[in-house]
Amino acid sequence: MEEGTVIINFEDKMIEYDLNELDEIALAYAITIHKSQGSEYPAIVIPLTTQHFTLLEKNLLYTGVTRGKKIVVLIGQIKALGIAVKTKRASERLTKLTERLKI
């Protein structure tokens, strides 16, 4: 840290942040698939277990896998992978957005 700034080395590219911008930085080794949306990372490790089966969905797995630039590793149970690939609950969202947008 120097004079209210932090310089971070991102793959040999030095980026300077003001101290008030530090909330924009997320440590990639500790973020969720939801937080990673719109980003890419050199390597991704995705744990898949049946313990949290409600999170096993095709769209979430797809989002996680497509975040990896060079390598994606799936660790866990084959059964959990099967559930994730077959489950598509999020196809219809009950947000009532259309009704809310009507004037």
N, C-alpha and C. Protein backbone atom coordinates (compact mmCIF):
# COMPACT_ATOMS: atom_id res chain seq x y z
N MET A 1 0.84 -1.19 0.00
CA MET A 1 0.00 0.00 0.00
C MET A 1 0.88 1.24 0.00
N GLU A 2 0.52 2.16 -0.83
CA GLU A 2 1.21 3.44 -0.89
C GLU A 2 0.19 4.56 -1.06
N GLU A 3 0.20 5.51 -0.16
CA GLU A 3 -0.61 6.71 -0.28
C GLU A 3 -2.07 6.45 -0.62
N GLY A 4 -2.69 5.54 0.08
CA GLY A 4 -4.12 5.29 -0.12
C GLY A 4 -4.47 4.46 -1.34
N THR A 5 -3.49 3.76 -1.91
CA THR A 5 -3.76 2.88 -3.05
C THR A 5 -3.15 1.51 -2.79
N VAL A 6 -3.67 0.54 -3.52
CA VAL A 6 -3.15 -0.82 -3.46
C VAL A 6 -2.85 -1.23 -4.90
N ILE A 7 -1.70 -1.84 -5.12
CA ILE A 7 -1.34 -2.34 -6.44
C ILE A 7 -1.38 -3.86 -6.37
N ILE A 8 -2.18 -4.46 -7.26
CA ILE A 8 -2.37 -5.90 -7.26
C ILE A 8 -1.85 -6.47 -8.57
N ASN A 9 -1.10 -7.57 -8.46
CA ASN A 9 -0.55 -8.25 -9.63
C ASN A 9 -1.53 -9.32 -10.09
N PHE A 10 -2.21 -9.08 -11.22
CA PHE A 10 -3.11 -10.04 -11.84
C PHE A 10 -2.41 -10.65 -13.04
N GLU A 11 -1.86 -11.84 -12.86
CA GLU A 11 -1.16 -12.53 -13.95
C GLU A 11 -0.16 -11.63 -14.65
N ASP A 12 0.72 -11.02 -13.89
CA ASP A 12 1.79 -10.14 -14.39
C ASP A 12 1.28 -8.81 -14.94
N LYS A 13 0.05 -8.46 -14.65
CA LYS A 13 -0.48 -7.16 -15.03
C LYS A 13 -0.77 -6.41 -13.74
N MET A 14 -0.08 -5.29 -13.54
CA MET A 14 -0.22 -4.53 -12.30
C MET A 14 -1.42 -3.57 -12.40
N ILE A 15 -2.36 -3.71 -11.47
CA ILE A 15 -3.56 -2.87 -11.45
C ILE A 15 -3.58 -2.10 -10.13
N GLU A 16 -3.80 -0.80 -10.22
CA GLU A 16 -3.83 0.06 -9.04
C GLU A 16 -5.27 0.36 -8.64
N TYR A 17 -5.57 0.18 -7.36
CA TYR A 17 -6.90 0.45 -6.81
C TYR A 17 -6.78 1.48 -5.70
N ASP A 18 -7.73 2.40 -5.65
CA ASP A 18 -7.85 3.28 -4.48
C ASP A 18 -8.43 2.45 -3.35
N LEU A 19 -8.18 2.85 -2.12
CA LEU A 19 -8.69 2.08 -0.97
C LEU A 19 -10.21 1.98 -0.98
N ASN A 20 -10.89 2.99 -1.49
CA ASN A 20 -12.36 2.92 -1.51
C ASN A 20 -12.88 2.00 -2.61
N GLU A 21 -12.02 1.42 -3.44
CA GLU A 21 -12.42 0.49 -4.49
C GLU A 21 -12.18 -0.98 -4.10
N LEU A 22 -11.65 -1.22 -2.93
CA LEU A 22 -11.28 -2.58 -2.54
C LEU A 22 -12.47 -3.52 -2.45
N ASP A 23 -13.68 -2.98 -2.25
CA ASP A 23 -14.86 -3.84 -2.20
C ASP A 23 -15.19 -4.46 -3.56
N GLU A 24 -14.55 -3.99 -4.62
CA GLU A 24 -14.76 -4.54 -5.97
C GLU A 24 -13.90 -5.76 -6.23
N ILE A 25 -13.02 -6.12 -5.31
CA ILE A 25 -12.11 -7.23 -5.51
C ILE A 25 -12.63 -8.44 -4.74
N ALA A 26 -12.75 -9.56 -5.44
CA ALA A 26 -13.16 -10.81 -4.81
C ALA A 26 -12.05 -11.83 -5.03
N LEU A 27 -11.66 -12.50 -3.98
CA LEU A 27 -10.63 -13.52 -4.11
C LEU A 27 -11.21 -14.70 -4.88
N ALA A 28 -10.65 -14.99 -6.01
CA ALA A 28 -11.23 -15.97 -6.93
C ALA A 28 -11.27 -17.37 -6.34
N TYR A 29 -10.42 -17.68 -5.41
CA TYR A 29 -10.43 -19.02 -4.85
C TYR A 29 -11.58 -19.23 -3.88
N ALA A 30 -12.34 -18.18 -3.59
CA ALA A 30 -13.38 -18.31 -2.58
C ALA A 30 -14.72 -17.72 -3.01
N ILE A 31 -15.00 -17.69 -4.31
CA ILE A 31 -16.26 -17.11 -4.72
C ILE A 31 -17.21 -18.18 -5.25
N THR A 32 -18.48 -17.87 -5.26
CA THR A 32 -19.49 -18.81 -5.73
C THR A 32 -19.67 -18.68 -7.24
N ILE A 33 -20.36 -19.64 -7.81
CA ILE A 33 -20.68 -19.57 -9.24
C ILE A 33 -21.52 -18.34 -9.51
N HIS A 34 -22.45 -18.04 -8.61
CA HIS A 34 -23.30 -16.87 -8.79
C HIS A 34 -22.46 -15.59 -8.90
N LYS A 35 -21.48 -15.45 -8.01
CA LYS A 35 -20.64 -14.25 -8.03
C LYS A 35 -19.71 -14.22 -9.23
N SER A 36 -19.42 -15.38 -9.80
CA SER A 36 -18.47 -15.44 -10.92
C SER A 36 -19.11 -15.12 -12.25
N GLN A 37 -20.42 -14.99 -12.31
CA GLN A 37 -21.09 -14.74 -13.59
C GLN A 37 -20.52 -13.50 -14.27
N GLY A 38 -20.22 -13.65 -15.54
CA GLY A 38 -19.66 -12.54 -16.30
C GLY A 38 -18.14 -12.46 -16.24
N SER A 39 -17.51 -13.36 -15.49
CA SER A 39 -16.06 -13.35 -15.34
C SER A 39 -15.46 -14.64 -15.87
N GLU A 40 -14.15 -14.63 -16.08
CA GLU A 40 -13.41 -15.83 -16.46
C GLU A 40 -12.20 -15.95 -15.56
N TYR A 41 -11.76 -17.18 -15.33
CA TYR A 41 -10.61 -17.44 -14.48
C TYR A 41 -9.76 -18.51 -15.15
N PRO A 42 -8.44 -18.50 -14.91
CA PRO A 42 -7.57 -19.48 -15.55
C PRO A 42 -7.93 -20.92 -15.19
N ALA A 43 -8.30 -21.15 -13.93
CA ALA A 43 -8.62 -22.50 -13.48
C ALA A 43 -9.83 -22.46 -12.56
N ILE A 44 -10.70 -23.46 -12.70
CA ILE A 44 -11.93 -23.55 -11.92
C ILE A 44 -12.00 -24.94 -11.30
N VAL A 45 -12.37 -25.01 -10.04
CA VAL A 45 -12.63 -26.29 -9.38
C VAL A 45 -14.06 -26.22 -8.86
N ILE A 46 -14.89 -27.16 -9.28
CA ILE A 46 -16.30 -27.17 -8.89
C ILE A 46 -16.58 -28.44 -8.09
N PRO A 47 -16.91 -28.30 -6.80
CA PRO A 47 -17.30 -29.47 -6.01
C PRO A 47 -18.75 -29.83 -6.29
N LEU A 48 -19.02 -31.10 -6.51
CA LEU A 48 -20.38 -31.58 -6.77
C LEU A 48 -20.71 -32.71 -5.80
N THR A 49 -21.64 -32.45 -4.88
CA THR A 49 -22.08 -33.49 -3.96
C THR A 49 -23.60 -33.46 -3.86
N THR A 50 -24.16 -34.55 -3.44
CA THR A 50 -25.62 -34.63 -3.31
C THR A 50 -26.11 -33.99 -2.01
N GLN A 51 -25.21 -33.59 -1.15
CA GLN A 51 -25.60 -32.98 0.13
C GLN A 51 -26.42 -31.72 -0.06
N HIS A 52 -26.10 -30.92 -1.06
CA HIS A 52 -26.84 -29.69 -1.34
C HIS A 52 -27.51 -29.84 -2.71
N PHE A 53 -28.36 -30.87 -2.82
CA PHE A 53 -28.93 -31.24 -4.11
C PHE A 53 -29.80 -30.14 -4.72
N THR A 54 -30.30 -29.22 -3.92
CA THR A 54 -31.14 -28.15 -4.49
C THR A 54 -30.34 -27.21 -5.39
N LEU A 55 -29.02 -27.21 -5.26
CA LEU A 55 -28.18 -26.37 -6.11
C LEU A 55 -27.72 -27.09 -7.38
N LEU A 56 -28.05 -28.36 -7.49
CA LEU A 56 -27.62 -29.14 -8.65
C LEU A 56 -28.59 -28.93 -9.79
N GLU A 57 -28.26 -27.97 -10.66
CA GLU A 57 -29.08 -27.66 -11.82
C GLU A 57 -28.20 -27.47 -13.04
N LYS A 58 -28.75 -27.79 -14.18
CA LYS A 58 -28.00 -27.72 -15.44
C LYS A 58 -27.45 -26.31 -15.69
N ASN A 59 -28.28 -25.28 -15.51
CA ASN A 59 -27.83 -23.92 -15.83
C ASN A 59 -26.72 -23.45 -14.89
N LEU A 60 -26.77 -23.85 -13.63
CA LEU A 60 -25.72 -23.46 -12.69
C LEU A 60 -24.41 -24.19 -13.01
N LEU A 61 -24.50 -25.46 -13.34
CA LEU A 61 -23.32 -26.22 -13.73
C LEU A 61 -22.70 -25.63 -14.99
N TYR A 62 -23.53 -25.30 -15.98
CA TYR A 62 -23.05 -24.69 -17.22
C TYR A 62 -22.32 -23.38 -16.93
N THR A 63 -22.92 -22.54 -16.09
CA THR A 63 -22.29 -21.26 -15.74
C THR A 63 -20.93 -21.49 -15.10
N GLY A 64 -20.85 -22.43 -14.18
CA GLY A 64 -19.58 -22.72 -13.52
C GLY A 64 -18.52 -23.23 -14.48
N VAL A 65 -18.90 -24.16 -15.32
CA VAL A 65 -17.94 -24.76 -16.25
C VAL A 65 -17.43 -23.73 -17.26
N THR A 66 -18.28 -22.84 -17.69
CA THR A 66 -17.87 -21.86 -18.71
C THR A 66 -17.07 -20.69 -18.13
N ARG A 67 -16.81 -20.67 -16.85
CA ARG A 67 -15.96 -19.62 -16.26
C ARG A 67 -14.49 -19.93 -16.46
N GLY A 68 -14.14 -21.18 -16.70
CA GLY A 68 -12.74 -21.58 -16.81
C GLY A 68 -12.13 -21.30 -18.17
N LYS A 69 -10.98 -20.63 -18.19
CA LYS A 69 -10.29 -20.33 -19.45
C LYS A 69 -9.41 -21.49 -19.90
N LYS A 70 -8.66 -22.10 -18.95
CA LYS A 70 -7.70 -23.14 -19.32
C LYS A 70 -8.09 -24.51 -18.79
N ILE A 71 -8.58 -24.58 -17.56
CA ILE A 71 -8.87 -25.88 -16.97
C ILE A 71 -10.08 -25.77 -16.04
N VAL A 72 -10.92 -26.79 -16.11
CA VAL A 72 -12.07 -26.92 -15.21
C VAL A 72 -12.02 -28.32 -14.62
N VAL A 73 -12.07 -28.40 -13.30
CA VAL A 73 -12.02 -29.68 -12.60
C VAL A 73 -13.32 -29.84 -11.81
N LEU A 74 -14.01 -30.96 -12.04
CA LEU A 74 -15.19 -31.30 -11.26
C LEU A 74 -14.78 -32.36 -10.24
N ILE A 75 -15.06 -32.09 -8.97
CA ILE A 75 -14.71 -33.02 -7.90
C ILE A 75 -15.97 -33.38 -7.16
N GLY A 76 -16.19 -34.67 -6.96
CA GLY A 76 -17.37 -35.06 -6.19
C GLY A 76 -17.94 -36.38 -6.65
N GLN A 77 -19.26 -36.47 -6.55
CA GLN A 77 -19.97 -37.71 -6.82
C GLN A 77 -20.52 -37.71 -8.25
N ILE A 78 -20.40 -38.84 -8.92
CA ILE A 78 -20.94 -38.98 -10.26
C ILE A 78 -22.46 -38.81 -10.22
N LYS A 79 -23.08 -39.29 -9.16
CA LYS A 79 -24.53 -39.15 -9.01
C LYS A 79 -24.93 -37.68 -8.99
N ALA A 80 -24.15 -36.84 -8.31
CA ALA A 80 -24.43 -35.41 -8.24
C ALA A 80 -24.32 -34.77 -9.62
N LEU A 81 -23.33 -35.19 -10.40
CA LEU A 81 -23.20 -34.68 -11.77
C LEU A 81 -24.41 -35.07 -12.61
N GLY A 82 -24.86 -36.30 -12.46
CA GLY A 82 -26.04 -36.76 -13.19
C GLY A 82 -27.28 -35.96 -12.84
N ILE A 83 -27.46 -35.67 -11.55
CA ILE A 83 -28.60 -34.87 -11.12
C ILE A 83 -28.52 -33.47 -11.72
N ALA A 84 -27.34 -32.87 -11.68
CA ALA A 84 -27.17 -31.51 -12.20
C ALA A 84 -27.47 -31.44 -13.69
N VAL A 85 -27.01 -32.43 -14.44
CA VAL A 85 -27.21 -32.43 -15.89
C VAL A 85 -28.69 -32.62 -16.25
N LYS A 86 -29.41 -33.39 -15.45
CA LYS A 86 -30.82 -33.69 -15.75
C LYS A 86 -31.79 -32.65 -15.22
N THR A 87 -31.38 -31.84 -14.25
CA THR A 87 -32.32 -30.94 -13.58
C THR A 87 -32.34 -29.57 -14.24
N LYS A 88 -33.55 -29.15 -14.58
CA LYS A 88 -33.73 -27.83 -15.19
C LYS A 88 -34.97 -27.19 -14.56
N ARG A 89 -34.84 -26.75 -13.32
CA ARG A 89 -35.96 -26.14 -12.59
C ARG A 89 -36.15 -24.68 -12.94
N ALA A 90 -35.11 -24.01 -13.33
CA ALA A 90 -35.15 -22.55 -13.51
C ALA A 90 -35.71 -22.12 -14.86
N SER A 91 -36.35 -23.03 -15.59
CA SER A 91 -36.83 -22.66 -16.92
C SER A 91 -37.98 -21.64 -16.88
N GLU A 92 -38.83 -21.74 -15.88
CA GLU A 92 -39.93 -20.79 -15.77
C GLU A 92 -39.80 -20.02 -14.46
N ARG A 93 -39.64 -18.74 -14.57
CA ARG A 93 -39.49 -17.90 -13.39
C ARG A 93 -40.82 -17.24 -13.06
N LEU A 94 -41.18 -17.29 -11.81
CA LEU A 94 -42.45 -16.73 -11.36
C LEU A 94 -42.23 -15.36 -10.73
N THR A 95 -41.73 -14.43 -11.53
CA THR A 95 -41.38 -13.10 -11.01
C THR A 95 -42.49 -12.08 -11.13
N LYS A 96 -43.49 -12.38 -11.97
CA LYS A 96 -44.58 -11.45 -12.26
C LYS A 96 -44.04 -10.14 -12.86
N LEU A 97 -42.90 -10.23 -13.53
CA LEU A 97 -42.28 -9.05 -14.12
C LEU A 97 -43.18 -8.39 -15.15
N THR A 98 -43.84 -9.19 -15.99
CA THR A 98 -44.72 -8.62 -17.02
C THR A 98 -45.81 -7.76 -16.39
N GLU A 99 -46.44 -8.29 -15.33
CA GLU A 99 -47.49 -7.53 -14.65
C GLU A 99 -46.95 -6.26 -14.00
N ARG A 100 -45.78 -6.32 -13.48
CA ARG A 100 -45.19 -5.16 -12.81
C ARG A 100 -44.81 -4.06 -13.79
N LEU A 101 -44.51 -4.44 -15.03
CA LEU A 101 -44.11 -3.45 -16.03
C LEU A 101 -45.30 -2.81 -16.73
N LYS A 102 -46.46 -3.40 -16.62
CA LYS A 102 -47.66 -2.82 -17.26
C LYS A 102 -48.07 -1.55 -16.55
N ILE A 103 -48.46 -0.56 -17.33
CA ILE A 103 -48.86 0.72 -16.77
C ILE A 103 -50.36 0.80 -16.67
